[in-house]
Amino acid sequence: MSSTSNASHHQTQGQPSWNYRRRQKQSSRNSDNTRYACPKCQRSYRHVHHMLRHYKFECGSPPRFQCPYCGMKSKQSNNVYKHIRVKHPGSKLEIVRLHYEQE
């Protein structure tokens, strides 16, 4: 079987191609530049779910995650993981979860 027929066989399995899925995702983004503002601090976001995440977990609260190697802190764990990959390559990917007393 040649690579050409193999590629066309893959396309006919009912799975949309990666480019098709990418175009669908791009078309689902808001195209009218609507912004969603946080009711507490007025920081705005293009997507309502980003604003809701900010409002629920981040707005007015201290950082919850910390790099164990240098002390960098963030309100989102994915930012600390990315920081470790970039600033501390080869280090174990682990984070420190900070706990604060509720006021």
C-alpha atoms as a PDB file:
ATOM      1  CA  MET A   1       0.000   0.000   0.000  1.00  0.00           C
ATOM      2  CA  SER A   2       1.481   3.379  -0.948  1.00  0.00           C
ATOM      3  CA  SER A   3       1.654   6.333   1.427  1.00  0.00           C
ATOM      4  CA  THR A   4      -0.847   8.242  -0.729  1.00  0.00           C
ATOM      5  CA  SER A   5      -3.546   5.612  -0.418  1.00  0.00           C
ATOM      6  CA  ASN A   6      -2.721   5.216   3.270  1.00  0.00           C
ATOM      7  CA  ALA A   7      -3.203   8.949   3.865  1.00  0.00           C
ATOM      8  CA  SER A   8      -6.498   9.004   1.970  1.00  0.00           C
ATOM      9  CA  HIS A   9      -7.634   5.921   3.903  1.00  0.00           C
ATOM     10  CA  HIS A  10      -6.925   7.780   7.148  1.00  0.00           C
ATOM     11  CA  GLN A  11      -9.038  10.741   5.994  1.00  0.00           C
ATOM     12  CA  THR A  12     -12.040   8.501   5.290  1.00  0.00           C
ATOM     13  CA  GLN A  13     -12.306   7.039   8.787  1.00  0.00           C
ATOM     14  CA  GLY A  14     -14.827   9.666   9.883  1.00  0.00           C
ATOM     15  CA  GLN A  15     -12.257  11.707  11.787  1.00  0.00           C
ATOM     16  CA  PRO A  16     -12.061  15.359  10.755  1.00  0.00           C
ATOM     17  CA  SER A  17      -8.577  16.469   9.899  1.00  0.00           C
ATOM     18  CA  TRP A  18      -6.573  18.557  12.350  1.00  0.00           C
ATOM     19  CA  ASN A  19      -6.935  21.631  10.115  1.00  0.00           C
ATOM     20  CA  TYR A  20     -10.712  21.200  10.015  1.00  0.00           C
ATOM     21  CA  ARG A  21     -10.901  21.042  13.820  1.00  0.00           C
ATOM     22  CA  ARG A  22      -8.625  24.095  14.051  1.00  0.00           C
ATOM     23  CA  ARG A  23     -10.870  26.067  11.680  1.00  0.00           C
ATOM     24  CA  GLN A  24     -13.945  25.056  13.684  1.00  0.00           C
ATOM     25  CA  LYS A  25     -12.322  26.231  16.921  1.00  0.00           C
ATOM     26  CA  GLN A  26     -11.318  29.542  15.343  1.00  0.00           C
ATOM     27  CA  SER A  27     -14.811  30.122  13.991  1.00  0.00           C
ATOM     28  CA  SER A  28     -16.332  29.460  17.434  1.00  0.00           C
ATOM     29  CA  ARG A  29     -14.333  32.310  18.979  1.00  0.00           C
ATOM     30  CA  ASN A  30     -16.236  35.514  19.448  1.00  0.00           C
ATOM     31  CA  SER A  31     -15.605  37.589  16.369  1.00  0.00           C
ATOM     32  CA  ASP A  32     -17.283  40.767  17.596  1.00  0.00           C
ATOM     33  CA  ASN A  33     -14.543  41.540  20.174  1.00  0.00           C
ATOM     34  CA  THR A  34     -16.963  41.174  23.098  1.00  0.00           C
ATOM     35  CA  ARG A  35     -15.182  41.380  26.455  1.00  0.00           C
ATOM     36  CA  TYR A  36     -16.423  39.882  29.733  1.00  0.00           C
ATOM     37  CA  ALA A  37     -15.518  41.965  32.798  1.00  0.00           C
ATOM     38  CA  CYS A  38     -14.987  40.620  36.300  1.00  0.00           C
ATOM     39  CA  PRO A  39     -17.650  42.145  38.587  1.00  0.00           C
ATOM     40  CA  LYS A  40     -15.075  42.606  41.391  1.00  0.00           C
ATOM     41  CA  CYS A  41     -12.078  44.161  39.637  1.00  0.00           C
ATOM     42  CA  GLN A  42     -13.277  44.914  36.077  1.00  0.00           C
ATOM     43  CA  ARG A  43     -10.454  42.909  34.467  1.00  0.00           C
ATOM     44  CA  SER A  44     -11.825  41.776  31.112  1.00  0.00           C
ATOM     45  CA  TYR A  45     -11.535  38.557  29.135  1.00  0.00           C
ATOM     46  CA  ARG A  46     -12.462  37.464  25.618  1.00  0.00           C
ATOM     47  CA  HIS A  47     -14.070  34.247  26.856  1.00  0.00           C
ATOM     48  CA  VAL A  48     -16.668  34.066  29.606  1.00  0.00           C
ATOM     49  CA  HIS A  49     -15.176  30.850  31.047  1.00  0.00           C
ATOM     50  CA  HIS A  50     -11.816  32.624  31.511  1.00  0.00           C
ATOM     51  CA  MET A  51     -13.550  35.426  33.413  1.00  0.00           C
ATOM     52  CA  LEU A  52     -15.434  32.907  35.569  1.00  0.00           C
ATOM     53  CA  ARG A  53     -12.200  31.049  36.407  1.00  0.00           C
ATOM     54  CA  HIS A  54     -10.583  34.361  37.357  1.00  0.00           C
ATOM     55  CA  TYR A  55     -13.593  35.409  39.467  1.00  0.00           C
ATOM     56  CA  LYS A  56     -13.902  32.087  41.278  1.00  0.00           C
ATOM     57  CA  PHE A  57     -10.243  31.218  41.925  1.00  0.00           C
ATOM     58  CA  GLU A  58      -8.047  34.275  41.397  1.00  0.00           C
ATOM     59  CA  CYS A  59      -9.683  37.649  41.962  1.00  0.00           C
ATOM     60  CA  GLY A  60      -8.583  39.147  45.268  1.00  0.00           C
ATOM     61  CA  SER A  61      -6.837  35.981  46.419  1.00  0.00           C
ATOM     62  CA  PRO A  62      -3.107  35.375  46.929  1.00  0.00           C
ATOM     63  CA  PRO A  63      -1.165  32.974  44.682  1.00  0.00           C
ATOM     64  CA  ARG A  64      -1.897  29.311  45.451  1.00  0.00           C
ATOM     65  CA  PHE A  65       1.069  27.626  43.748  1.00  0.00           C
ATOM     66  CA  GLN A  66       4.837  28.037  44.086  1.00  0.00           C
ATOM     67  CA  CYS A  67       7.968  26.795  42.334  1.00  0.00           C
ATOM     68  CA  PRO A  68       9.985  24.609  44.746  1.00  0.00           C
ATOM     69  CA  TYR A  69      13.267  25.694  43.131  1.00  0.00           C
ATOM     70  CA  CYS A  70      13.115  29.490  43.245  1.00  0.00           C
ATOM     71  CA  GLY A  71       9.908  30.529  44.994  1.00  0.00           C
ATOM     72  CA  MET A  72       8.102  31.939  41.936  1.00  0.00           C
ATOM     73  CA  LYS A  73       4.362  32.074  42.757  1.00  0.00           C
ATOM     74  CA  SER A  74       1.251  31.999  40.596  1.00  0.00           C
ATOM     75  CA  LYS A  75      -2.492  31.734  40.981  1.00  0.00           C
ATOM     76  CA  GLN A  76      -2.597  28.993  38.315  1.00  0.00           C
ATOM     77  CA  SER A  77      -0.659  25.728  38.561  1.00  0.00           C
ATOM     78  CA  ASN A  78      -0.079  25.534  34.802  1.00  0.00           C
ATOM     79  CA  ASN A  79       1.951  28.758  34.968  1.00  0.00           C
ATOM     80  CA  VAL A  80       4.284  27.206  37.558  1.00  0.00           C
ATOM     81  CA  TYR A  81       4.668  24.003  35.504  1.00  0.00           C
ATOM     82  CA  LYS A  82       5.549  26.076  32.429  1.00  0.00           C
ATOM     83  CA  HIS A  83       7.988  28.156  34.513  1.00  0.00           C
ATOM     84  CA  ILE A  84       9.765  24.994  35.752  1.00  0.00           C
ATOM     85  CA  ARG A  85      10.098  23.610  32.211  1.00  0.00           C
ATOM     86  CA  VAL A  86      11.631  26.887  30.974  1.00  0.00           C
ATOM     87  CA  LYS A  87      13.685  28.110  33.944  1.00  0.00           C
ATOM     88  CA  HIS A  88      14.655  24.786  35.545  1.00  0.00           C
ATOM     89  CA  PRO A  89      14.974  22.302  32.633  1.00  0.00           C
ATOM     90  CA  GLY A  90      15.608  18.738  33.729  1.00  0.00           C
ATOM     91  CA  SER A  91      14.115  19.346  37.175  1.00  0.00           C
ATOM     92  CA  LYS A  92      11.257  17.260  38.505  1.00  0.00           C
ATOM     93  CA  LEU A  93       7.888  18.803  37.624  1.00  0.00           C
ATOM     94  CA  GLU A  94       6.349  19.330  41.024  1.00  0.00           C
ATOM     95  CA  ILE A  95       4.785  22.358  42.625  1.00  0.00           C
ATOM     96  CA  VAL A  96       4.188  23.592  46.148  1.00  0.00           C
ATOM     97  CA  ARG A  97       0.547  24.212  47.010  1.00  0.00           C
ATOM     98  CA  LEU A  98       0.228  27.198  49.300  1.00  0.00           C
ATOM     99  CA  HIS A  99      -2.493  27.233  51.947  1.00  0.00           C
ATOM    100  CA  TYR A 100      -3.790  30.441  53.419  1.00  0.00           C
ATOM    101  CA  GLU A 101      -6.183  30.823  56.309  1.00  0.00           C
ATOM    102  CA  GLN A 102      -9.600  32.091  55.288  1.00  0.00           C
ATOM    103  CA  GLU A 103     -10.320  35.539  56.718  1.00  0.00           C
END
